[in-house]
């Protein structure tokens, strides 16, 4: 599937799943876009490699 530079995503899913998804989102008072963006942000954040902590000269000092 093509990956363009626009902000649009186009996917095909089973029509029954689509109906169930929209019904469930409606019960929660959510939109598909809002739900997807929140989930996508969570997914990306969970998969970003954490930065490594490096000791600084202050960390090496002996404190009383």
Protein backbone atom coordinates (compact mmCIF):
# COMPACT_ATOMS: atom_id res chain seq x y z
CA UNK A 1 0.00 0.00 0.00
CA UNK A 2 1.30 3.46 -0.85
CA UNK A 3 2.62 5.73 1.89
CA UNK A 4 2.08 9.35 0.91
CA UNK A 5 3.12 12.55 2.64
CA UNK A 6 -0.40 13.76 3.43
CA UNK A 7 -1.99 13.39 6.85
CA UNK A 8 -4.53 10.90 5.56
CA UNK A 9 -4.65 7.19 6.31
CA UNK A 10 -6.77 4.86 4.22
CA UNK A 11 -7.34 1.28 5.32
CA UNK A 12 -9.86 -1.40 4.45
CA UNK A 13 -11.40 -3.46 7.23
CA UNK A 14 -14.27 -5.90 7.51
CA UNK A 15 -17.58 -3.98 7.40
CA UNK A 16 -18.84 -5.78 10.52
CA UNK A 17 -15.75 -4.74 12.47
CA UNK A 18 -16.20 -1.18 11.23
CA UNK A 19 -19.80 -1.09 12.51
CA UNK A 20 -18.77 -2.55 15.87
CA UNK A 21 -15.89 -0.12 16.20
CA UNK A 22 -18.05 2.92 15.46
CA UNK A 23 -20.77 1.67 17.85
CA UNK A 24 -18.25 1.13 20.64
CA UNK A 25 -16.61 4.49 20.08
CA UNK A 26 -20.03 6.16 20.10
CA UNK A 27 -20.84 4.54 23.46
CA UNK A 28 -17.63 6.01 24.84
CA UNK A 29 -18.29 9.42 23.28
CA UNK A 30 -15.16 9.14 21.13
CA UNK A 31 -14.46 9.79 17.47
CA UNK A 32 -12.46 7.40 15.34
CA UNK A 33 -9.87 10.09 14.71
CA UNK A 34 -9.50 10.97 18.40
CA UNK A 35 -9.26 7.33 19.42
CA UNK A 36 -6.79 6.49 16.69
CA UNK A 37 -4.52 9.47 17.34
CA UNK A 38 -4.42 8.71 21.09
CA UNK A 39 -3.67 5.02 20.47
CA UNK A 40 -1.09 5.81 17.79
CA UNK A 41 0.71 8.23 20.12
CA UNK A 42 0.72 5.62 22.90
CA UNK A 43 2.04 2.96 20.52
CA UNK A 44 4.83 5.18 19.22
CA UNK A 45 5.79 6.31 22.74
CA UNK A 46 5.97 2.66 23.88
CA UNK A 47 8.35 1.84 21.04
CA UNK A 48 10.72 4.80 21.21
CA UNK A 49 14.09 3.73 22.51
CA UNK A 50 14.74 5.43 25.86
CA UNK A 51 17.75 7.69 26.02
CA UNK A 52 20.73 6.43 27.95
CA UNK A 53 21.70 8.20 31.16
CA UNK A 54 25.35 9.14 31.26
CA UNK A 55 27.24 9.94 34.43
CA UNK A 56 28.41 13.52 34.72
CA UNK A 57 31.36 14.77 36.68
CA UNK A 58 28.91 15.91 39.37
CA UNK A 59 27.62 12.34 39.68
CA UNK A 60 31.16 11.11 40.30
CA UNK A 61 31.74 13.45 43.24
CA UNK A 62 31.56 11.95 46.70
CA UNK A 63 28.92 13.67 48.78
CA UNK A 64 28.90 13.64 52.59
